[in-house]
């Protein structure tokens, strides 16, 4: 092998290692399931090198990273993650890494909390950091965690930024704010209105909007509003004046589907003559009967829909096999 071939092989190894470190970092800050981490690559590296260098690099990109100091994942998650690193290092017979045991010592005695931070890394290198509930259902609502459809819609937005650039965007059922904050950070809307109706969700939403440096004085101008699907008036909707309306993971309960359809009909009806807002609804289809019922009620209300197919860039870690559908509403 000549010198140029050696350099090319070395470059490929460096790229591979960089990708693996990125995968560990992205998965760690989003608190992905441990089984989804690229452990196989780490095992091969430990077996071939008998060195803890890669583990040291992983630590620097995760538990020892400045983002972890500012917005730490849950204590339990960090404890499990560090324990798994130690287990694999010891199984490979590598020399102990003091900083690894020091990091574990920090969380062994720490108290678990009901809330934690999750950070979702953007292609720009920036991060959307959110305070979320540890439990999937908290305070009687599912709106205090990020769900797959919100992640998918955020990825679609990153691939179709022109849909939001220079526009006033209304998000229904914003939850903890992942999709909206991603759009504000990356798609340059003129104005963005986050909305929900649950008091606890609105409080968490305002916290997350502020955590990410967004206010009514920033660009885009951002506000958080209570929008009750059963009580929202034409006056409120006209005041918002949305050019684009989005919602993710809002079609899950047959008891509220009717209210959602009525609101969507009101939004489409009270828009300026000849200027319909673009309405995008993204859903994880957990119950096909509920989702079919939603589409049937749309049809009865005189609202047609078009399924937006095609791949999206993989930016965030989540379960890809989930049945997720994005539709555009038409009248």
C-alpha atoms as a PDB file:
ATOM      1  CA  UNK A   1       0.000   0.000   0.000  1.00  0.00           C
ATOM      2  CA  UNK A   2       1.482   3.350  -1.040  1.00  0.00           C
ATOM      3  CA  UNK A   3       1.368   6.531   1.025  1.00  0.00           C
ATOM      4  CA  UNK A   4      -1.735   7.957  -0.740  1.00  0.00           C
ATOM      5  CA  UNK A   5      -3.673   4.721  -0.175  1.00  0.00           C
ATOM      6  CA  UNK A   6      -2.687   4.746   3.497  1.00  0.00           C
ATOM      7  CA  UNK A   7      -3.947   8.327   3.817  1.00  0.00           C
ATOM      8  CA  UNK A   8      -7.224   7.413   2.104  1.00  0.00           C
ATOM      9  CA  UNK A   9      -7.750   4.444   4.444  1.00  0.00           C
ATOM     10  CA  UNK A  10      -6.917   6.625   7.442  1.00  0.00           C
ATOM     11  CA  UNK A  11      -9.400   9.281   6.286  1.00  0.00           C
ATOM     12  CA  UNK A  12     -12.147   6.655   6.022  1.00  0.00           C
ATOM     13  CA  UNK A  13     -11.419   5.506   9.560  1.00  0.00           C
ATOM     14  CA  UNK A  14     -11.538   9.080  10.832  1.00  0.00           C
ATOM     15  CA  UNK A  15     -14.866   9.729   9.073  1.00  0.00           C
ATOM     16  CA  UNK A  16     -16.289   6.523  10.515  1.00  0.00           C
ATOM     17  CA  UNK A  17     -15.184   7.433  14.018  1.00  0.00           C
ATOM     18  CA  UNK A  18     -16.585  10.948  13.624  1.00  0.00           C
ATOM     19  CA  UNK A  19     -19.921   9.512  12.522  1.00  0.00           C
ATOM     20  CA  UNK A  20     -19.999   7.123  15.476  1.00  0.00           C
ATOM     21  CA  UNK A  21     -19.210   9.888  17.946  1.00  0.00           C
ATOM     22  CA  UNK A  22     -22.005  11.951  16.391  1.00  0.00           C
ATOM     23  CA  UNK A  23     -24.405   9.005  16.705  1.00  0.00           C
ATOM     24  CA  UNK A  24     -23.533   8.580  20.384  1.00  0.00           C
ATOM     25  CA  UNK A  25     -23.976  12.298  20.994  1.00  0.00           C
ATOM     26  CA  UNK A  26     -27.300  12.620  19.160  1.00  0.00           C
ATOM     27  CA  UNK A  27     -28.721   9.532  20.875  1.00  0.00           C
ATOM     28  CA  UNK A  28     -27.446  10.534  24.314  1.00  0.00           C
ATOM     29  CA  UNK A  29     -28.921  14.036  24.349  1.00  0.00           C
ATOM     30  CA  UNK A  30     -32.264  12.823  22.962  1.00  0.00           C
ATOM     31  CA  UNK A  31     -32.270  10.084  25.629  1.00  0.00           C
ATOM     32  CA  UNK A  32     -32.753   7.335  23.059  1.00  0.00           C
ATOM     33  CA  UNK A  33     -33.097   3.725  24.172  1.00  0.00           C
ATOM     34  CA  UNK A  34     -29.660   2.333  25.008  1.00  0.00           C
ATOM     35  CA  UNK A  35     -30.097  -0.601  22.619  1.00  0.00           C
ATOM     36  CA  UNK A  36     -30.151   1.876  19.711  1.00  0.00           C
ATOM     37  CA  UNK A  37     -26.608   3.165  20.388  1.00  0.00           C
ATOM     38  CA  UNK A  38     -23.774   1.996  18.057  1.00  0.00           C
ATOM     39  CA  UNK A  39     -22.279  -0.415  20.604  1.00  0.00           C
ATOM     40  CA  UNK A  40     -21.004  -2.845  17.960  1.00  0.00           C
ATOM     41  CA  UNK A  41     -18.508  -0.302  16.634  1.00  0.00           C
ATOM     42  CA  UNK A  42     -17.305   0.401  20.180  1.00  0.00           C
ATOM     43  CA  UNK A  43     -16.889  -3.311  20.922  1.00  0.00           C
ATOM     44  CA  UNK A  44     -14.806  -3.824  17.773  1.00  0.00           C
ATOM     45  CA  UNK A  45     -12.637  -0.817  18.586  1.00  0.00           C
ATOM     46  CA  UNK A  46     -12.048  -1.991  22.156  1.00  0.00           C
ATOM     47  CA  UNK A  47     -11.237  -5.516  20.994  1.00  0.00           C
ATOM     48  CA  UNK A  48      -8.749  -4.398  18.341  1.00  0.00           C
ATOM     49  CA  UNK A  49      -7.023  -1.552  20.196  1.00  0.00           C
ATOM     50  CA  UNK A  50      -7.331  -2.577  23.863  1.00  0.00           C
ATOM     51  CA  UNK A  51      -7.507   1.156  24.473  1.00  0.00           C
ATOM     52  CA  UNK A  52     -10.099   3.367  26.157  1.00  0.00           C
ATOM     53  CA  UNK A  53      -9.444   6.284  23.794  1.00  0.00           C
ATOM     54  CA  UNK A  54     -12.789   5.943  22.024  1.00  0.00           C
ATOM     55  CA  UNK A  55     -14.659   5.769  25.334  1.00  0.00           C
ATOM     56  CA  UNK A  56     -12.845   8.920  26.421  1.00  0.00           C
ATOM     57  CA  UNK A  57     -13.956  10.636  23.202  1.00  0.00           C
ATOM     58  CA  UNK A  58     -17.540   9.432  23.744  1.00  0.00           C
ATOM     59  CA  UNK A  59     -17.508  10.876  27.252  1.00  0.00           C
ATOM     60  CA  UNK A  60     -16.344  14.250  25.930  1.00  0.00           C
ATOM     61  CA  UNK A  61     -19.240  14.321  23.471  1.00  0.00           C
ATOM     62  CA  UNK A  62     -21.847  13.245  26.046  1.00  0.00           C
ATOM     63  CA  UNK A  63     -21.566  13.435  29.851  1.00  0.00           C
ATOM     64  CA  UNK A  64     -18.606  15.819  29.833  1.00  0.00           C
ATOM     65  CA  UNK A  65     -19.968  18.046  27.068  1.00  0.00           C
ATOM     66  CA  UNK A  66     -20.969  21.611  27.980  1.00  0.00           C
ATOM     67  CA  UNK A  67     -24.515  20.932  26.752  1.00  0.00           C
ATOM     68  CA  UNK A  68     -24.847  18.198  29.383  1.00  0.00           C
ATOM     69  CA  UNK A  69     -23.756  20.598  32.104  1.00  0.00           C
ATOM     70  CA  UNK A  70     -26.374  23.134  31.008  1.00  0.00           C
ATOM     71  CA  UNK A  71     -29.235  20.821  30.016  1.00  0.00           C
ATOM     72  CA  UNK A  72     -28.566  17.376  31.535  1.00  0.00           C
ATOM     73  CA  UNK A  73     -30.559  14.285  30.571  1.00  0.00           C
ATOM     74  CA  UNK A  74     -32.198  12.467  33.461  1.00  0.00           C
ATOM     75  CA  UNK A  75     -30.054  11.144  36.312  1.00  0.00           C
ATOM     76  CA  UNK A  76     -31.307   7.611  35.726  1.00  0.00           C
ATOM     77  CA  UNK A  77     -30.472   7.742  32.017  1.00  0.00           C
ATOM     78  CA  UNK A  78     -26.953   9.025  32.620  1.00  0.00           C
ATOM     79  CA  UNK A  79     -26.416   6.359  35.294  1.00  0.00           C
ATOM     80  CA  UNK A  80     -27.486   3.578  32.902  1.00  0.00           C
ATOM     81  CA  UNK A  81     -25.430   5.004  30.042  1.00  0.00           C
ATOM     82  CA  UNK A  82     -22.227   5.270  32.099  1.00  0.00           C
ATOM     83  CA  UNK A  83     -22.762   1.817  33.595  1.00  0.00           C
ATOM     84  CA  UNK A  84     -23.051   0.384  30.088  1.00  0.00           C
ATOM     85  CA  UNK A  85     -19.812   2.072  29.015  1.00  0.00           C
ATOM     86  CA  UNK A  86     -18.032   0.656  32.071  1.00  0.00           C
ATOM     87  CA  UNK A  87     -19.436  -2.827  31.476  1.00  0.00           C
ATOM     88  CA  UNK A  88     -18.184  -2.902  27.898  1.00  0.00           C
ATOM     89  CA  UNK A  89     -14.804  -1.448  28.828  1.00  0.00           C
ATOM     90  CA  UNK A  90     -14.268  -4.036  31.571  1.00  0.00           C
ATOM     91  CA  UNK A  91     -15.435  -6.881  29.305  1.00  0.00           C
ATOM     92  CA  UNK A  92     -12.774  -5.870  26.769  1.00  0.00           C
ATOM     93  CA  UNK A  93     -10.063  -5.911  29.456  1.00  0.00           C
ATOM     94  CA  UNK A  94      -9.040  -2.303  28.884  1.00  0.00           C
ATOM     95  CA  UNK A  95      -7.285  -0.212  31.494  1.00  0.00           C
ATOM     96  CA  UNK A  96      -9.735   1.643  33.788  1.00  0.00           C
ATOM     97  CA  UNK A  97     -10.574   5.191  32.775  1.00  0.00           C
ATOM     98  CA  UNK A  98     -10.706   7.457  35.826  1.00  0.00           C
ATOM     99  CA  UNK A  99     -12.906  10.090  34.209  1.00  0.00           C
ATOM    100  CA  UNK A 100     -15.502   7.417  33.428  1.00  0.00           C
ATOM    101  CA  UNK A 101     -15.772   6.330  37.073  1.00  0.00           C
ATOM    102  CA  UNK A 102     -15.726   9.971  38.205  1.00  0.00           C
ATOM    103  CA  UNK A 103     -18.681  10.719  35.916  1.00  0.00           C
ATOM    104  CA  UNK A 104     -20.590   7.743  37.325  1.00  0.00           C
ATOM    105  CA  UNK A 105     -19.851   8.839  40.902  1.00  0.00           C
ATOM    106  CA  UNK A 106     -21.562  12.176  40.156  1.00  0.00           C
ATOM    107  CA  UNK A 107     -24.894  10.514  39.364  1.00  0.00           C
ATOM    108  CA  UNK A 108     -24.874   7.449  41.632  1.00  0.00           C
ATOM    109  CA  UNK A 109     -26.082   9.394  44.638  1.00  0.00           C
ATOM    110  CA  UNK A 110     -28.061  12.029  42.755  1.00  0.00           C
ATOM    111  CA  UNK A 111     -31.827  12.158  43.200  1.00  0.00           C
ATOM    112  CA  UNK A 112     -34.112  11.310  40.295  1.00  0.00           C
ATOM    113  CA  UNK A 113     -36.606  14.000  39.274  1.00  0.00           C
ATOM    114  CA  UNK A 114     -39.922  14.018  37.426  1.00  0.00           C
ATOM    115  CA  UNK A 115     -38.510  16.294  34.727  1.00  0.00           C
ATOM    116  CA  UNK A 116     -35.361  16.257  32.625  1.00  0.00           C
ATOM    117  CA  UNK A 117     -33.845  17.910  29.590  1.00  0.00           C
ATOM    118  CA  UNK A 118     -33.738  16.420  26.130  1.00  0.00           C
ATOM    119  CA  UNK A 119     -31.680  18.099  23.441  1.00  0.00           C
ATOM    120  CA  UNK A 120     -32.231  17.525  19.737  1.00  0.00           C
ATOM    121  CA  UNK A 121     -29.224  18.403  17.574  1.00  0.00           C
ATOM    122  CA  UNK A 122     -29.884  20.273  14.329  1.00  0.00           C
ATOM    123  CA  UNK A 123     -27.844  19.915  11.115  1.00  0.00           C
ATOM    124  CA  UNK A 124     -26.454  23.404  11.765  1.00  0.00           C
ATOM    125  CA  UNK A 125     -24.810  22.124  14.947  1.00  0.00           C
ATOM    126  CA  UNK A 126     -27.277  24.064  17.074  1.00  0.00           C
ATOM    127  CA  UNK A 127     -29.474  22.273  19.602  1.00  0.00           C
ATOM    128  CA  UNK A 128     -33.132  22.493  20.593  1.00  0.00           C
ATOM    129  CA  UNK A 129     -33.158  21.821  24.342  1.00  0.00           C
ATOM    130  CA  UNK A 130     -36.466  21.032  26.004  1.00  0.00           C
ATOM    131  CA  UNK A 131     -37.623  20.471  29.550  1.00  0.00           C
ATOM    132  CA  UNK A 132     -39.804  17.367  29.350  1.00  0.00           C
ATOM    133  CA  UNK A 133     -41.622  15.055  31.729  1.00  0.00           C
ATOM    134  CA  UNK A 134     -39.886  11.760  32.486  1.00  0.00           C
ATOM    135  CA  UNK A 135     -43.270   9.987  32.357  1.00  0.00           C
ATOM    136  CA  UNK A 136     -45.148   9.619  29.059  1.00  0.00           C
ATOM    137  CA  UNK A 137     -48.372  10.653  30.766  1.00  0.00           C
ATOM    138  CA  UNK A 138     -48.098  13.404  33.361  1.00  0.00           C
ATOM    139  CA  UNK A 139     -50.622  15.808  34.880  1.00  0.00           C
ATOM    140  CA  UNK A 140     -53.337  13.980  32.950  1.00  0.00           C
ATOM    141  CA  UNK A 141     -51.872  14.812  29.547  1.00  0.00           C
ATOM    142  CA  UNK A 142     -49.486  13.348  26.944  1.00  0.00           C
ATOM    143  CA  UNK A 143     -48.390  16.846  25.933  1.00  0.00           C
ATOM    144  CA  UNK A 144     -45.327  17.070  28.205  1.00  0.00           C
ATOM    145  CA  UNK A 145     -43.085  14.854  26.062  1.00  0.00           C
ATOM    146  CA  UNK A 146     -41.984  14.874  22.409  1.00  0.00           C
ATOM    147  CA  UNK A 147     -43.665  12.304  20.143  1.00  0.00           C
ATOM    148  CA  UNK A 148     -42.532  10.772  16.832  1.00  0.00           C
ATOM    149  CA  UNK A 149     -44.835  12.771  14.564  1.00  0.00           C
ATOM    150  CA  UNK A 150     -43.444  16.036  15.967  1.00  0.00           C
ATOM    151  CA  UNK A 151     -39.922  14.865  15.120  1.00  0.00           C
ATOM    152  CA  UNK A 152     -40.991  13.777  11.630  1.00  0.00           C
ATOM    153  CA  UNK A 153     -42.745  17.093  10.938  1.00  0.00           C
ATOM    154  CA  UNK A 154     -39.650  18.976  12.119  1.00  0.00           C
ATOM    155  CA  UNK A 155     -37.513  16.920   9.715  1.00  0.00           C
ATOM    156  CA  UNK A 156     -39.957  17.616   6.873  1.00  0.00           C
ATOM    157  CA  UNK A 157     -39.790  21.326   7.691  1.00  0.00           C
ATOM    158  CA  UNK A 158     -35.993  21.256   7.487  1.00  0.00           C
ATOM    159  CA  UNK A 159     -36.329  19.750   3.995  1.00  0.00           C
ATOM    160  CA  UNK A 160     -39.051  22.242   2.941  1.00  0.00           C
ATOM    161  CA  UNK A 161     -38.046  25.513   4.579  1.00  0.00           C
ATOM    162  CA  UNK A 162     -39.774  27.598   1.904  1.00  0.00           C
ATOM    163  CA  UNK A 163     -43.133  26.493   3.324  1.00  0.00           C
ATOM    164  CA  UNK A 164     -42.418  28.600   6.413  1.00  0.00           C
ATOM    165  CA  UNK A 165     -40.016  31.334   5.304  1.00  0.00           C
ATOM    166  CA  UNK A 166     -41.497  34.811   5.715  1.00  0.00           C
ATOM    167  CA  UNK A 167     -44.852  33.448   6.887  1.00  0.00           C
ATOM    168  CA  UNK A 168     -47.012  33.633   9.991  1.00  0.00           C
ATOM    169  CA  UNK A 169     -47.239  30.099  11.354  1.00  0.00           C
ATOM    170  CA  UNK A 170     -49.801  28.785  13.849  1.00  0.00           C
ATOM    171  CA  UNK A 171     -49.056  25.468  15.524  1.00  0.00           C
ATOM    172  CA  UNK A 172     -51.975  23.616  17.116  1.00  0.00           C
ATOM    173  CA  UNK A 173     -51.212  21.391  20.095  1.00  0.00           C
ATOM    174  CA  UNK A 174     -47.581  22.500  20.330  1.00  0.00           C
ATOM    175  CA  UNK A 175     -46.793  20.278  23.327  1.00  0.00           C
ATOM    176  CA  UNK A 176     -43.278  20.942  24.606  1.00  0.00           C
ATOM    177  CA  UNK A 177     -42.361  22.814  21.412  1.00  0.00           C
ATOM    178  CA  UNK A 178     -39.890  20.699  19.401  1.00  0.00           C
ATOM    179  CA  UNK A 179     -41.401  21.239  15.944  1.00  0.00           C
ATOM    180  CA  UNK A 180     -42.066  24.942  16.365  1.00  0.00           C
ATOM    181  CA  UNK A 181     -38.684  25.760  17.878  1.00  0.00           C
ATOM    182  CA  UNK A 182     -36.957  23.852  15.068  1.00  0.00           C
ATOM    183  CA  UNK A 183     -38.903  25.868  12.488  1.00  0.00           C
ATOM    184  CA  UNK A 184     -38.112  29.142  14.260  1.00  0.00           C
ATOM    185  CA  UNK A 185     -34.415  28.252  14.403  1.00  0.00           C
ATOM    186  CA  UNK A 186     -34.048  26.995  10.846  1.00  0.00           C
ATOM    187  CA  UNK A 187     -36.849  28.131   8.518  1.00  0.00           C
ATOM    188  CA  UNK A 188     -37.024  31.919   9.064  1.00  0.00           C
ATOM    189  CA  UNK A 189     -40.770  32.453   9.534  1.00  0.00           C
ATOM    190  CA  UNK A 190     -41.903  36.034  10.044  1.00  0.00           C
ATOM    191  CA  UNK A 191     -43.991  35.131  13.089  1.00  0.00           C
ATOM    192  CA  UNK A 192     -44.707  31.925  14.969  1.00  0.00           C
ATOM    193  CA  UNK A 193     -47.630  31.257  17.312  1.00  0.00           C
ATOM    194  CA  UNK A 194     -47.320  28.232  19.602  1.00  0.00           C
ATOM    195  CA  UNK A 195     -50.625  27.074  21.065  1.00  0.00           C
ATOM    196  CA  UNK A 196     -52.208  24.551  23.404  1.00  0.00           C
ATOM    197  CA  UNK A 197     -55.091  24.454  25.859  1.00  0.00           C
ATOM    198  CA  UNK A 198     -53.726  22.481  28.835  1.00  0.00           C
ATOM    199  CA  UNK A 199     -52.456  24.784  31.586  1.00  0.00           C
ATOM    200  CA  UNK A 200     -49.465  22.577  32.480  1.00  0.00           C
ATOM    201  CA  UNK A 201     -48.474  22.208  28.816  1.00  0.00           C
ATOM    202  CA  UNK A 202     -48.684  25.967  28.240  1.00  0.00           C
ATOM    203  CA  UNK A 203     -46.456  26.591  31.250  1.00  0.00           C
ATOM    204  CA  UNK A 204     -43.846  24.066  30.051  1.00  0.00           C
ATOM    205  CA  UNK A 205     -44.132  25.419  26.505  1.00  0.00           C
ATOM    206  CA  UNK A 206     -43.381  28.983  27.626  1.00  0.00           C
ATOM    207  CA  UNK A 207     -40.388  27.694  29.597  1.00  0.00           C
ATOM    208  CA  UNK A 208     -38.986  25.875  26.560  1.00  0.00           C
ATOM    209  CA  UNK A 209     -39.538  28.803  24.212  1.00  0.00           C
ATOM    210  CA  UNK A 210     -37.561  31.005  26.609  1.00  0.00           C
ATOM    211  CA  UNK A 211     -34.863  28.330  27.113  1.00  0.00           C
ATOM    212  CA  UNK A 212     -34.210  28.472  23.393  1.00  0.00           C
ATOM    213  CA  UNK A 213     -33.929  32.249  23.286  1.00  0.00           C
ATOM    214  CA  UNK A 214     -37.218  32.959  21.509  1.00  0.00           C
ATOM    215  CA  UNK A 215     -39.436  35.886  22.548  1.00  0.00           C
ATOM    216  CA  UNK A 216     -41.892  38.300  21.008  1.00  0.00           C
ATOM    217  CA  UNK A 217     -38.937  40.640  20.422  1.00  0.00           C
ATOM    218  CA  UNK A 218     -36.769  38.170  18.534  1.00  0.00           C
ATOM    219  CA  UNK A 219     -36.803  37.329  14.864  1.00  0.00           C
ATOM    220  CA  UNK A 220     -39.099  35.577  14.274  1.00  0.00           C
ATOM    221  CA  UNK A 221     -41.553  37.164  16.679  1.00  0.00           C
ATOM    222  CA  UNK A 222     -42.835  34.358  18.882  1.00  0.00           C
ATOM    223  CA  UNK A 223     -45.884  34.070  21.124  1.00  0.00           C
ATOM    224  CA  UNK A 224     -47.526  31.307  23.147  1.00  0.00           C
ATOM    225  CA  UNK A 225     -51.323  31.391  23.169  1.00  0.00           C
ATOM    226  CA  UNK A 226     -54.141  29.364  24.659  1.00  0.00           C
ATOM    227  CA  UNK A 227     -56.223  28.042  21.796  1.00  0.00           C
ATOM    228  CA  UNK A 228     -59.157  25.938  22.957  1.00  0.00           C
ATOM    229  CA  UNK A 229     -60.372  23.952  19.953  1.00  0.00           C
ATOM    230  CA  UNK A 230     -63.989  24.147  21.112  1.00  0.00           C
ATOM    231  CA  UNK A 231     -63.951  27.839  21.997  1.00  0.00           C
ATOM    232  CA  UNK A 232     -61.570  29.523  19.524  1.00  0.00           C
ATOM    233  CA  UNK A 233     -63.402  32.369  17.795  1.00  0.00           C
ATOM    234  CA  UNK A 234     -63.090  33.705  14.276  1.00  0.00           C
ATOM    235  CA  UNK A 235     -61.883  36.949  15.834  1.00  0.00           C
ATOM    236  CA  UNK A 236     -58.982  35.144  17.557  1.00  0.00           C
ATOM    237  CA  UNK A 237     -58.076  33.225  14.396  1.00  0.00           C
ATOM    238  CA  UNK A 238     -58.230  36.353  12.213  1.00  0.00           C
ATOM    239  CA  UNK A 239     -56.049  38.215  14.716  1.00  0.00           C
ATOM    240  CA  UNK A 240     -53.430  35.461  14.449  1.00  0.00           C
ATOM    241  CA  UNK A 241     -53.714  35.620  10.648  1.00  0.00           C
ATOM    242  CA  UNK A 242     -51.788  32.407   9.935  1.00  0.00           C
ATOM    243  CA  UNK A 243     -50.448  31.718   6.441  1.00  0.00           C
ATOM    244  CA  UNK A 244     -49.398  28.228   7.517  1.00  0.00           C
ATOM    245  CA  UNK A 245     -51.042  26.005  10.141  1.00  0.00           C
ATOM    246  CA  UNK A 246     -49.361  22.873  11.450  1.00  0.00           C
ATOM    247  CA  UNK A 247     -50.107  20.182  14.009  1.00  0.00           C
ATOM    248  CA  UNK A 248     -48.372  16.967  15.027  1.00  0.00           C
ATOM    249  CA  UNK A 249     -49.730  14.000  16.964  1.00  0.00           C
ATOM    250  CA  UNK A 250     -53.118  15.578  17.625  1.00  0.00           C
ATOM    251  CA  UNK A 251     -55.246  12.772  16.125  1.00  0.00           C
ATOM    252  CA  UNK A 252     -55.150  10.140  18.860  1.00  0.00           C
ATOM    253  CA  UNK A 253     -58.368  10.499  20.842  1.00  0.00           C
ATOM    254  CA  UNK A 254     -61.732   9.952  19.091  1.00  0.00           C
ATOM    255  CA  UNK A 255     -63.379  12.178  21.692  1.00  0.00           C
ATOM    256  CA  UNK A 256     -61.509  15.284  20.501  1.00  0.00           C
ATOM    257  CA  UNK A 257     -61.360  14.598  16.749  1.00  0.00           C
ATOM    258  CA  UNK A 258     -64.681  16.355  16.176  1.00  0.00           C
ATOM    259  CA  UNK A 259     -63.465  19.515  17.933  1.00  0.00           C
ATOM    260  CA  UNK A 260     -60.258  19.469  15.873  1.00  0.00           C
ATOM    261  CA  UNK A 261     -62.159  19.171  12.582  1.00  0.00           C
ATOM    262  CA  UNK A 262     -64.488  22.035  13.574  1.00  0.00           C
ATOM    263  CA  UNK A 263     -61.476  24.225  14.377  1.00  0.00           C
ATOM    264  CA  UNK A 264     -59.755  23.361  11.090  1.00  0.00           C
ATOM    265  CA  UNK A 265     -62.965  24.182   9.224  1.00  0.00           C
ATOM    266  CA  UNK A 266     -63.151  27.524  11.055  1.00  0.00           C
ATOM    267  CA  UNK A 267     -59.516  28.307  10.179  1.00  0.00           C
ATOM    268  CA  UNK A 268     -60.108  27.603   6.493  1.00  0.00           C
ATOM    269  CA  UNK A 269     -63.406  29.543   6.464  1.00  0.00           C
ATOM    270  CA  UNK A 270     -62.207  32.741   8.131  1.00  0.00           C
ATOM    271  CA  UNK A 271     -59.132  33.255   5.952  1.00  0.00           C
ATOM    272  CA  UNK A 272     -58.907  36.150   3.514  1.00  0.00           C
ATOM    273  CA  UNK A 273     -60.848  35.672   0.241  1.00  0.00           C
ATOM    274  CA  UNK A 274     -58.793  33.720  -2.254  1.00  0.00           C
ATOM    275  CA  UNK A 275     -55.952  33.190   0.233  1.00  0.00           C
ATOM    276  CA  UNK A 276     -56.208  29.859   2.031  1.00  0.00           C
ATOM    277  CA  UNK A 277     -53.602  29.015   4.649  1.00  0.00           C
ATOM    278  CA  UNK A 278     -51.504  25.949   4.080  1.00  0.00           C
ATOM    279  CA  UNK A 279     -52.624  23.377   6.672  1.00  0.00           C
ATOM    280  CA  UNK A 280     -50.374  20.410   7.473  1.00  0.00           C
ATOM    281  CA  UNK A 281     -51.333  17.635   9.902  1.00  0.00           C
ATOM    282  CA  UNK A 282     -48.783  14.971  10.850  1.00  0.00           C
ATOM    283  CA  UNK A 283     -49.965  11.861  12.674  1.00  0.00           C
ATOM    284  CA  UNK A 284     -48.564   8.667  14.091  1.00  0.00           C
ATOM    285  CA  UNK A 285     -51.257   6.141  13.191  1.00  0.00           C
ATOM    286  CA  UNK A 286     -51.602   4.183  16.420  1.00  0.00           C
ATOM    287  CA  UNK A 287     -55.287   3.405  15.962  1.00  0.00           C
ATOM    288  CA  UNK A 288     -56.317   3.115  12.286  1.00  0.00           C
ATOM    289  CA  UNK A 289     -60.001   3.360  13.231  1.00  0.00           C
ATOM    290  CA  UNK A 290     -59.495   6.711  14.988  1.00  0.00           C
ATOM    291  CA  UNK A 291     -57.405   8.040  12.097  1.00  0.00           C
ATOM    292  CA  UNK A 292     -59.955   6.897   9.494  1.00  0.00           C
ATOM    293  CA  UNK A 293     -62.678   8.549  11.555  1.00  0.00           C
ATOM    294  CA  UNK A 294     -60.704  11.808  11.460  1.00  0.00           C
ATOM    295  CA  UNK A 295     -60.470  11.692   7.671  1.00  0.00           C
ATOM    296  CA  UNK A 296     -64.166  10.859   7.376  1.00  0.00           C
ATOM    297  CA  UNK A 297     -65.110  13.869   9.514  1.00  0.00           C
ATOM    298  CA  UNK A 298     -62.846  16.069   7.372  1.00  0.00           C
ATOM    299  CA  UNK A 299     -64.718  14.880   4.285  1.00  0.00           C
ATOM    300  CA  UNK A 300     -68.102  15.560   5.889  1.00  0.00           C
ATOM    301  CA  UNK A 301     -66.902  19.092   6.699  1.00  0.00           C
ATOM    302  CA  UNK A 302     -66.034  19.671   3.047  1.00  0.00           C
ATOM    303  CA  UNK A 303     -62.283  19.417   3.620  1.00  0.00           C
ATOM    304  CA  UNK A 304     -60.246  17.198   1.319  1.00  0.00           C
ATOM    305  CA  UNK A 305     -56.702  16.041   1.983  1.00  0.00           C
ATOM    306  CA  UNK A 306     -53.586  15.097   0.090  1.00  0.00           C
ATOM    307  CA  UNK A 307     -51.000  12.712   1.507  1.00  0.00           C
ATOM    308  CA  UNK A 308     -47.473  14.129   1.290  1.00  0.00           C
ATOM    309  CA  UNK A 309     -45.276  11.139   0.540  1.00  0.00           C
ATOM    310  CA  UNK A 310     -41.548  10.816   0.027  1.00  0.00           C
ATOM    311  CA  UNK A 311     -38.530  10.407   2.280  1.00  0.00           C
ATOM    312  CA  UNK A 312     -37.311  12.993   4.762  1.00  0.00           C
ATOM    313  CA  UNK A 313     -33.778  13.561   5.972  1.00  0.00           C
ATOM    314  CA  UNK A 314     -32.955  11.597   9.122  1.00  0.00           C
ATOM    315  CA  UNK A 315     -32.022  14.270  11.642  1.00  0.00           C
ATOM    316  CA  UNK A 316     -33.469  13.088  14.945  1.00  0.00           C
ATOM    317  CA  UNK A 317     -33.355   9.646  16.582  1.00  0.00           C
ATOM    318  CA  UNK A 318     -36.751   7.960  16.868  1.00  0.00           C
ATOM    319  CA  UNK A 319     -38.533   4.784  15.819  1.00  0.00           C
ATOM    320  CA  UNK A 320     -38.634   4.853  12.005  1.00  0.00           C
ATOM    321  CA  UNK A 321     -40.954   1.827  11.625  1.00  0.00           C
ATOM    322  CA  UNK A 322     -43.778   3.877  13.182  1.00  0.00           C
ATOM    323  CA  UNK A 323     -46.659   4.516  10.764  1.00  0.00           C
ATOM    324  CA  UNK A 324     -46.464   8.291  10.319  1.00  0.00           C
ATOM    325  CA  UNK A 325     -48.520  10.195   7.742  1.00  0.00           C
ATOM    326  CA  UNK A 326     -48.361  13.862   6.756  1.00  0.00           C
ATOM    327  CA  UNK A 327     -51.374  15.355   4.991  1.00  0.00           C
ATOM    328  CA  UNK A 328     -52.160  18.746   3.458  1.00  0.00           C
ATOM    329  CA  UNK A 329     -55.740  19.938   3.847  1.00  0.00           C
ATOM    330  CA  UNK A 330     -57.609  21.504   0.906  1.00  0.00           C
ATOM    331  CA  UNK A 331     -60.937  23.246   0.497  1.00  0.00           C
END
